[in-house]
C-alpha atoms as a PDB file:
ATOM      1  CA  MET A   1       0.225   0.039   0.262  1.00  0.00           C
ATOM      2  CA  THR A   2       1.310   3.384  -0.917  1.00  0.00           C
ATOM      3  CA  ASN A   3       1.740   6.225   2.101  1.00  0.00           C
ATOM      4  CA  ILE A   4      -0.696   8.655   0.067  1.00  0.00           C
ATOM      5  CA  SER A   5      -3.316   5.215   0.081  1.00  0.00           C
ATOM      6  CA  LEU A   6      -1.940   4.596   3.973  1.00  0.00           C
ATOM      7  CA  CYS A   7      -3.001   8.711   4.798  1.00  0.00           C
ATOM      8  CA  LYS A   8      -6.697   8.598   3.001  1.00  0.00           C
ATOM      9  CA  LEU A   9      -7.522   5.081   5.005  1.00  0.00           C
ATOM     10  CA  ILE A  10      -6.235   6.840   7.993  1.00  0.00           C
ATOM     11  CA  GLY A  11      -8.051   9.987   7.087  1.00  0.00           C
ATOM     12  CA  PHE A  12     -10.993   8.329   6.045  1.00  0.00           C
ATOM     13  CA  SER A  13     -11.470   6.157   9.519  1.00  0.00           C
ATOM     14  CA  ALA A  14     -10.552   9.517  11.763  1.00  0.00           C
ATOM     15  CA  LEU A  15     -13.617  11.009   9.775  1.00  0.00           C
ATOM     16  CA  GLY A  16     -16.162   7.795  10.101  1.00  0.00           C
ATOM     17  CA  ALA A  17     -15.220   7.463  14.346  1.00  0.00           C
ATOM     18  CA  LEU A  18     -16.038  11.151  15.200  1.00  0.00           C
ATOM     19  CA  PHE A  19     -18.798  11.289  12.911  1.00  0.00           C
ATOM     20  CA  MET A  20     -20.056   7.710  15.324  1.00  0.00           C
ATOM     21  CA  LEU A  21     -19.070  10.261  18.489  1.00  0.00           C
ATOM     22  CA  GLN A  22     -20.968  13.189  17.229  1.00  0.00           C
ATOM     23  CA  THR A  23     -24.089  11.073  15.971  1.00  0.00           C
ATOM     24  CA  ALA A  24     -23.664   8.770  19.613  1.00  0.00           C
ATOM     25  CA  SER A  25     -23.511  12.414  21.476  1.00  0.00           C
ATOM     26  CA  ALA A  26     -26.451  13.850  19.774  1.00  0.00           C
ATOM     27  CA  ALA A  27     -28.385  10.888  20.904  1.00  0.00           C
ATOM     28  CA  ASP A  28     -27.911  11.379  24.496  1.00  0.00           C
ATOM     29  CA  GLN A  29     -29.434  14.915  24.083  1.00  0.00           C
ATOM     30  CA  ARG A  30     -32.697  15.709  25.546  1.00  0.00           C
ATOM     31  CA  ARG A  31     -35.225  16.264  22.347  1.00  0.00           C
ATOM     32  CA  GLY A  32     -38.658  17.618  22.102  1.00  0.00           C
ATOM     33  CA  VAL A  33     -38.622  19.127  25.827  1.00  0.00           C
ATOM     34  CA  VAL A  34     -40.727  22.286  26.356  1.00  0.00           C
ATOM     35  CA  PRO A  35     -39.105  24.372  28.265  1.00  0.00           C
ATOM     36  CA  HIS A  36     -41.239  25.960  31.934  1.00  0.00           C
ATOM     37  CA  ALA A  37     -40.319  28.228  34.395  1.00  0.00           C
ATOM     38  CA  PRO A  38     -40.929  26.095  37.711  1.00  0.00           C
ATOM     39  CA  LEU A  39     -44.354  26.782  39.144  1.00  0.00           C
ATOM     40  CA  LEU A  40     -43.285  26.866  42.642  1.00  0.00           C
ATOM     41  CA  LYS A  41     -39.872  27.134  43.968  1.00  0.00           C
ATOM     42  CA  MET A  42     -39.468  27.840  47.763  1.00  0.00           C
ATOM     43  CA  MET A  43     -37.872  27.526  50.616  1.00  0.00           C
ATOM     44  CA  LEU A  44     -39.297  25.005  52.898  1.00  0.00           C
ATOM     45  CA  PRO A  45     -39.713  26.682  56.349  1.00  0.00           C
ATOM     46  CA  ASN A  46     -37.720  25.629  59.916  1.00  0.00           C
ATOM     47  CA  THR A  47     -35.222  24.109  57.715  1.00  0.00           C
ATOM     48  CA  ALA A  48     -31.607  24.992  57.203  1.00  0.00           C
ATOM     49  CA  ASN A  49     -31.479  24.888  53.320  1.00  0.00           C
ATOM     50  CA  GLN A  50     -34.341  22.339  52.165  1.00  0.00           C
ATOM     51  CA  GLU A  51     -36.077  23.687  49.116  1.00  0.00           C
ATOM     52  CA  VAL A  52     -39.492  22.340  47.732  1.00  0.00           C
ATOM     53  CA  ALA A  53     -40.256  22.686  43.855  1.00  0.00           C
ATOM     54  CA  VAL A  54     -42.449  22.119  41.437  1.00  0.00           C
ATOM     55  CA  TYR A  55     -42.125  21.911  37.959  1.00  0.00           C
ATOM     56  CA  GLU A  56     -44.024  21.628  34.528  1.00  0.00           C
ATOM     57  CA  ALA A  57     -42.641  19.242  31.776  1.00  0.00           C
ATOM     58  CA  GLU A  58     -43.843  19.122  28.809  1.00  0.00           C
ATOM     59  CA  TYR A  59     -42.803  17.025  25.466  1.00  0.00           C
ATOM     60  CA  GLU A  60     -43.492  17.244  22.170  1.00  0.00           C
ATOM     61  CA  PRO A  61     -44.211  14.205  20.022  1.00  0.00           C
ATOM     62  CA  GLY A  62     -41.130  12.054  19.815  1.00  0.00           C
ATOM     63  CA  GLY A  63     -40.132  13.951  22.817  1.00  0.00           C
ATOM     64  CA  ILE A  64     -37.069  12.189  25.029  1.00  0.00           C
ATOM     65  CA  ASN A  65     -35.168  12.827  28.295  1.00  0.00           C
ATOM     66  CA  PRO A  66     -32.187   9.718  28.022  1.00  0.00           C
ATOM     67  CA  ARG A  67     -30.405   8.409  30.524  1.00  0.00           C
ATOM     68  CA  HIS A  68     -30.018  10.928  33.666  1.00  0.00           C
ATOM     69  CA  LEU A  69     -30.332  11.047  37.721  1.00  0.00           C
ATOM     70  CA  HIS A  70     -31.761  13.563  40.594  1.00  0.00           C
ATOM     71  CA  PRO A  71     -29.637  13.902  43.603  1.00  0.00           C
ATOM     72  CA  ALA A  72     -32.961  14.371  45.355  1.00  0.00           C
ATOM     73  CA  ALA A  73     -35.952  12.088  44.993  1.00  0.00           C
ATOM     74  CA  ILE A  74     -39.063  12.825  42.524  1.00  0.00           C
ATOM     75  CA  THR A  75     -42.493  12.173  42.028  1.00  0.00           C
ATOM     76  CA  PHE A  76     -43.821  12.506  38.477  1.00  0.00           C
ATOM     77  CA  HIS A  77     -47.616  13.275  37.739  1.00  0.00           C
ATOM     78  CA  VAL A  78     -49.263  13.187  34.154  1.00  0.00           C
ATOM     79  CA  LEU A  79     -51.583  15.585  33.540  1.00  0.00           C
ATOM     80  CA  SER A  80     -52.204  14.649  29.665  1.00  0.00           C
ATOM     81  CA  GLY A  81     -50.974  12.272  27.185  1.00  0.00           C
ATOM     82  CA  SER A  82     -49.120   9.262  28.268  1.00  0.00           C
ATOM     83  CA  GLY A  83     -44.909   8.563  28.711  1.00  0.00           C
ATOM     84  CA  ILE A  84     -42.995   5.906  29.136  1.00  0.00           C
ATOM     85  CA  TRP A  85     -40.159   5.301  32.356  1.00  0.00           C
ATOM     86  CA  GLN A  86     -38.024   3.274  32.752  1.00  0.00           C
ATOM     87  CA  GLU A  87     -35.440   3.397  35.442  1.00  0.00           C
ATOM     88  CA  GLU A  88     -31.860   1.281  34.501  1.00  0.00           C
ATOM     89  CA  GLY A  89     -32.433  -2.200  35.479  1.00  0.00           C
ATOM     90  CA  LYS A  90     -35.842  -2.386  35.236  1.00  0.00           C
ATOM     91  CA  SER A  91     -38.526  -2.509  32.657  1.00  0.00           C
ATOM     92  CA  PRO A  92     -40.337   0.259  31.596  1.00  0.00           C
ATOM     93  CA  VAL A  93     -43.711   1.744  32.743  1.00  0.00           C
ATOM     94  CA  THR A  94     -46.153   3.325  30.673  1.00  0.00           C
ATOM     95  CA  LEU A  95     -48.011   6.262  32.455  1.00  0.00           C
ATOM     96  CA  LYS A  96     -51.301   7.708  31.301  1.00  0.00           C
ATOM     97  CA  ALA A  97     -53.332  11.062  32.508  1.00  0.00           C
ATOM     98  CA  GLY A  98     -53.196  10.816  36.352  1.00  0.00           C
ATOM     99  CA  ASP A  99     -51.073   8.258  36.684  1.00  0.00           C
ATOM    100  CA  SER A 100     -47.890   9.097  39.373  1.00  0.00           C
ATOM    101  CA  LEU A 101     -43.898   7.246  39.546  1.00  0.00           C
ATOM    102  CA  PHE A 102     -42.280   8.029  42.718  1.00  0.00           C
ATOM    103  CA  VAL A 103     -38.687   7.583  41.801  1.00  0.00           C
ATOM    104  CA  PRO A 104     -35.730   7.382  44.733  1.00  0.00           C
ATOM    105  CA  ALA A 105     -32.871   9.828  44.554  1.00  0.00           C
ATOM    106  CA  GLY A 106     -29.835   8.708  42.673  1.00  0.00           C
ATOM    107  CA  THR A 107     -32.314   6.475  40.852  1.00  0.00           C
ATOM    108  CA  ILE A 108     -30.795   6.551  36.812  1.00  0.00           C
ATOM    109  CA  HIS A 109     -33.937   6.738  34.409  1.00  0.00           C
ATOM    110  CA  SER A 110     -34.946   7.964  30.908  1.00  0.00           C
ATOM    111  CA  HIS A 111     -38.543   9.268  29.905  1.00  0.00           C
ATOM    112  CA  TRP A 112     -39.889  10.149  26.382  1.00  0.00           C
ATOM    113  CA  ASN A 113     -43.520  10.422  24.762  1.00  0.00           C
ATOM    114  CA  PRO A 114     -43.655   7.853  22.493  1.00  0.00           C
ATOM    115  CA  SER A 115     -46.842   9.459  20.281  1.00  0.00           C
ATOM    116  CA  THR A 116     -46.344  10.606  16.767  1.00  0.00           C
ATOM    117  CA  THR A 117     -49.010  13.222  17.182  1.00  0.00           C
ATOM    118  CA  ASP A 118     -49.882  14.251  21.232  1.00  0.00           C
ATOM    119  CA  ARG A 119     -47.929  16.283  23.388  1.00  0.00           C
ATOM    120  CA  LEU A 120     -47.102  14.798  27.255  1.00  0.00           C
ATOM    121  CA  ARG A 121     -47.635  17.276  29.840  1.00  0.00           C
ATOM    122  CA  PHE A 122     -46.315  16.001  33.938  1.00  0.00           C
ATOM    123  CA  LEU A 123     -45.641  17.531  36.954  1.00  0.00           C
ATOM    124  CA  GLU A 124     -42.085  17.145  38.870  1.00  0.00           C
ATOM    125  CA  PHE A 125     -42.285  17.662  42.864  1.00  0.00           C
ATOM    126  CA  ILE A 126     -39.063  17.208  44.314  1.00  0.00           C
ATOM    127  CA  VAL A 127     -37.872  18.107  47.740  1.00  0.00           C
ATOM    128  CA  ALA A 128     -33.696  19.205  47.931  1.00  0.00           C
ATOM    129  CA  GLU A 129     -30.724  20.861  49.066  1.00  0.00           C
ATOM    130  CA  LYS A 130     -31.675  24.270  47.318  1.00  0.00           C
ATOM    131  CA  ASP A 131     -30.743  24.107  43.883  1.00  0.00           C
ATOM    132  CA  LYS A 132     -29.537  20.372  44.102  1.00  0.00           C
ATOM    133  CA  GLY A 133     -32.904  18.566  42.605  1.00  0.00           C
ATOM    134  CA  ARG A 134     -32.668  19.043  38.600  1.00  0.00           C
ATOM    135  CA  SER A 135     -31.226  16.558  36.578  1.00  0.00           C
ATOM    136  CA  ILE A 136     -27.796  15.225  36.162  1.00  0.00           C
ATOM    137  CA  HIS A 137     -27.393  13.738  32.543  1.00  0.00           C
ATOM    138  CA  LYS A 138     -25.917  10.116  33.175  1.00  0.00           C
ATOM    139  CA  PRO A 139     -23.779   9.320  29.276  1.00  0.00           C
ATOM    140  CA  GLN A 140     -24.991   5.633  27.598  1.00  0.00           C
END
């Protein structure tokens, strides 16, 4: 093999590897999540540094929040649509309007809207140390 052919082969291989890494990284990102300001976020009375927060989450059809965890326990309550929640190592669970799910602190999980037409709306209830309740994303 000539030096030029070897250089081309190495170059194409490197480009292919970069493309695969970029694609994998993009797949790990949240998508179709409509941001909302917290419905409630306040310090808990008579505590040193604890707050309660309630967030409304809205996912477009096909929206997903891939593998992540919350440093605090979180309770999800579906308002409309249906969604799938999956804790690491467990089977997926489908929740519909009126259903709730408690996820313990530190549990790696994901959730998504499997619908191709309807939005998913749910509430997240979190009690945590101030500013420590939001999600931390985990690579695949």
